Protein backbone atom coordinates (compact mmCIF):
# COMPACT_ATOMS: atom_id res chain seq x y z
CA UNK A 1 -33.51 240.04 88.52
CA UNK A 2 -36.13 237.54 87.41
CA UNK A 3 -38.33 240.31 86.01
CA UNK A 4 -35.37 241.87 84.20
CA UNK A 5 -34.31 238.50 82.79
CA UNK A 6 -37.82 237.65 81.60
CA UNK A 7 -38.25 241.12 80.11
CA UNK A 8 -35.00 240.79 78.20
CA UNK A 9 -35.95 237.30 77.02
CA UNK A 10 -39.40 238.52 75.86
CA UNK A 11 -37.75 241.35 73.98
CA UNK A 12 -34.96 239.31 72.33
CA UNK A 13 -36.53 235.89 71.82
CA UNK A 14 -40.16 235.56 72.90
CA UNK A 15 -40.55 232.10 71.40
CA UNK A 16 -37.88 230.63 73.70
CA UNK A 17 -39.32 231.77 77.05
CA UNK A 18 -41.02 228.51 77.98
CA UNK A 19 -38.21 226.31 76.67
CA UNK A 20 -35.61 228.32 78.59
CA UNK A 21 -37.61 228.24 81.83
CA UNK A 22 -38.29 224.48 81.59
CA UNK A 23 -34.65 223.76 80.70
CA UNK A 24 -33.35 225.80 83.63
CA UNK A 25 -35.77 224.13 86.04
CA UNK A 26 -34.73 220.72 84.75
CA UNK A 27 -31.02 221.55 85.17
CA UNK A 28 -31.61 222.85 88.69
CA UNK A 29 -33.53 219.70 89.63
CA UNK A 30 -30.81 217.41 88.25
CA UNK A 31 -28.12 219.31 90.14
CA UNK A 32 -30.18 219.15 93.33
CA UNK A 33 -30.50 215.38 93.02
CA UNK A 34 -26.75 214.98 92.51
CA UNK A 35 -25.99 217.14 95.54
CA UNK A 36 -28.57 215.27 97.64
CA UNK A 37 -26.71 212.06 96.91
CA UNK A 38 -23.39 213.60 97.99
CA UNK A 39 -24.92 214.98 101.19
CA UNK A 40 -26.72 211.74 101.99
CA UNK A 41 -23.46 209.83 101.84
CA UNK A 42 -21.57 212.29 104.02
CA UNK A 43 -24.40 212.72 106.54
CA UNK A 44 -24.48 208.92 106.80
CA UNK A 45 -20.75 208.87 107.43
CA UNK A 46 -21.11 211.57 110.09
CA UNK A 47 -23.87 209.53 111.77
CA UNK A 48 -21.60 206.47 111.78
CA UNK A 49 -18.87 208.63 113.31
CA UNK A 50 -21.30 209.69 116.05
CA UNK A 51 -22.63 206.19 116.78
CA UNK A 52 -19.21 204.51 116.70
CA UNK A 53 -17.77 206.86 119.32
CA UNK A 54 -15.27 208.30 116.88
CA UNK A 55 -16.78 211.73 117.53
CA UNK A 56 -15.65 211.49 121.16
CA UNK A 57 -12.12 210.69 120.01
CA UNK A 58 -12.26 213.52 117.50
CA UNK A 59 -13.44 215.88 120.23
CA UNK A 60 -10.46 214.82 122.37
CA UNK A 61 -8.11 215.39 119.44
CA UNK A 62 -9.52 218.87 118.78
CA UNK A 63 -9.96 219.67 122.50
CA UNK A 64 -6.83 221.86 122.81
CA UNK A 65 -7.86 223.93 119.79
CA UNK A 66 -11.47 224.16 120.94
CA UNK A 67 -10.45 225.12 124.50
CA UNK A 68 -8.12 227.83 123.17
CA UNK A 69 -10.64 229.30 120.74
CA UNK A 70 -13.89 228.91 122.67
CA UNK A 71 -12.83 228.92 126.34
CA UNK A 72 -15.55 226.41 127.32
CA UNK A 73 -15.62 223.43 129.64
CA UNK A 74 -18.53 221.30 128.42
CA UNK A 75 -17.75 217.91 126.88
CA UNK A 76 -20.99 217.70 124.87
CA UNK A 77 -20.55 221.17 123.41
CA UNK A 78 -16.93 220.35 122.55
CA UNK A 79 -18.17 217.25 120.72
CA UNK A 80 -20.69 219.24 118.67
CA UNK A 81 -18.03 221.84 117.82
CA UNK A 82 -15.55 219.08 116.87
CA UNK A 83 -18.11 217.45 114.55
CA UNK A 84 -18.97 220.82 113.07
CA UNK A 85 -15.30 221.64 112.48
CA UNK A 86 -14.67 218.17 111.02
CA UNK A 87 -17.54 218.46 108.55
CA UNK A 88 -16.30 221.89 107.49
CA UNK A 89 -12.74 220.58 107.08
CA UNK A 90 -14.13 217.91 104.75
CA UNK A 91 -15.95 220.61 102.76
CA UNK A 92 -19.41 219.61 103.95
CA UNK A 93 -20.69 222.99 105.08
CA UNK A 94 -24.36 222.03 104.86
CA UNK A 95 -23.74 218.76 106.69
CA UNK A 96 -21.97 220.75 109.42
CA UNK A 97 -25.02 222.93 110.02
CA UNK A 98 -26.95 220.62 112.42
CA UNK A 99 -23.90 220.21 114.66
CA UNK A 100 -23.24 223.94 114.53
CA UNK A 101 -26.82 224.70 115.56
CA UNK A 102 -26.62 222.24 118.46
CA UNK A 103 -23.29 223.73 119.57
CA UNK A 104 -24.71 227.24 119.33
CA UNK A 105 -27.73 226.30 121.46
CA UNK A 106 -25.38 224.92 124.11
CA UNK A 107 -23.16 228.02 123.96
CA UNK A 108 -26.12 230.37 124.43
CA UNK A 109 -26.18 231.86 127.93
CA UNK A 110 -29.79 233.05 127.65
CA UNK A 111 -28.87 236.75 127.71
CA UNK A 112 -30.15 237.39 124.20
CA UNK A 113 -26.69 238.52 123.10
CA UNK A 114 -24.07 236.60 121.19
CA UNK A 115 -21.35 235.31 123.49
CA UNK A 116 -17.71 235.39 122.38
CA UNK A 117 -17.87 231.62 121.84
CA UNK A 118 -20.93 231.98 119.58
CA UNK A 119 -19.20 234.71 117.58
CA UNK A 120 -16.11 232.51 117.19
CA UNK A 121 -18.29 229.59 116.00
CA UNK A 122 -20.03 231.79 113.45
CA UNK A 123 -16.70 233.11 112.15
CA UNK A 124 -15.20 229.61 111.94
CA UNK A 125 -18.26 228.41 110.02
CA UNK A 126 -18.20 231.41 107.70
CA UNK A 127 -14.48 231.10 106.96
CA UNK A 128 -14.59 227.28 107.03
CA UNK A 129 -11.11 225.77 106.91
CA UNK A 130 -11.39 223.09 104.21
CA UNK A 131 -8.88 220.39 103.43
CA UNK A 132 -11.18 218.71 100.94
CA UNK A 133 -13.86 220.92 99.30
CA UNK A 134 -16.15 218.00 98.43
CA UNK A 135 -19.21 220.09 97.58
CA UNK A 136 -17.35 222.23 95.05
CA UNK A 137 -15.61 219.18 93.61
CA UNK A 138 -19.04 217.53 93.27
CA UNK A 139 -20.44 220.63 91.55
CA UNK A 140 -17.48 220.75 89.17
CA UNK A 141 -17.82 217.03 88.39
CA UNK A 142 -21.58 217.45 87.80
CA UNK A 143 -20.84 220.33 85.43
CA UNK A 144 -18.51 218.10 83.41
CA UNK A 145 -15.12 219.39 84.54
CA UNK A 146 -12.20 217.35 83.22
CA UNK A 147 -10.34 217.70 86.53
CA UNK A 148 -12.76 218.75 89.27
CA UNK A 149 -10.19 218.32 92.07
CA UNK A 150 -7.79 220.94 90.68
CA UNK A 151 -9.23 223.45 93.15
CA UNK A 152 -7.92 221.66 96.26
CA UNK A 153 -4.67 223.65 96.66
CA UNK A 154 -6.14 227.12 95.91
CA UNK A 155 -9.08 226.36 98.19
CA UNK A 156 -6.77 225.20 100.97
CA UNK A 157 -4.65 228.35 100.73
CA UNK A 158 -7.69 230.63 100.62
CA UNK A 159 -9.40 228.97 103.58
CA UNK A 160 -6.23 229.00 105.68
CA UNK A 161 -5.93 232.75 105.07
CA UNK A 162 -9.59 233.54 105.74
CA UNK A 163 -9.83 231.28 108.78
CA UNK A 164 -6.65 232.71 110.32
CA UNK A 165 -7.74 236.28 109.65
CA UNK A 166 -11.21 235.58 111.07
CA UNK A 167 -9.78 234.14 114.31
CA UNK A 168 -7.34 237.05 114.66
CA UNK A 169 -10.11 239.60 114.12
CA UNK A 170 -12.46 237.94 116.61
CA UNK A 171 -9.73 237.82 119.27
CA UNK A 172 -8.75 241.42 118.53
CA UNK A 173 -12.37 242.64 118.77
CA UNK A 174 -12.92 240.72 122.00
CA UNK A 175 -9.89 242.38 123.60
CA UNK A 176 -10.79 245.80 122.20
CA UNK A 177 -14.37 245.68 123.51
CA UNK A 178 -13.19 244.29 126.86
CA UNK A 179 -10.84 247.27 127.25
CA UNK A 180 -13.61 249.70 126.35
CA UNK A 181 -15.84 248.17 129.00
CA UNK A 182 -18.51 246.83 126.66
């Protein structure tokens, strides 16, 4: 894609190659700085949640859902999953990654194969139920949108559908493979 883009730029406007490349790099750097600030704030909030003990309370609140979906009995793993789910609900997918990795390490049984709980965690992270899509709102605000939060309702509806469908498909596949003896 880069080669095709540069070739087209050389062919149509060779004098603008350097200006275009420098401008794009500058825009990418500015956007990265803005997103770093958003993530720094939310990662700080998640650390405060962890240190204050709120994560334990959150894990207790989400415990019935986590037990039903993951069928585990490990308090620490439940806490990592609860923090991961909470960060995703707040639209902080990248901030949820460290908790998801820790949860996945704890869910690993050492067999070299993905357990049903690991598969469920991956699907929940991929479909990511979001009440507040903060990253996208931040991107829209950085791009100069007049109303960056207008996407909240469509995002909520879309993530409810994808998350529900993902859970249903994982449960269906688990039962189907169990019946087939695999």
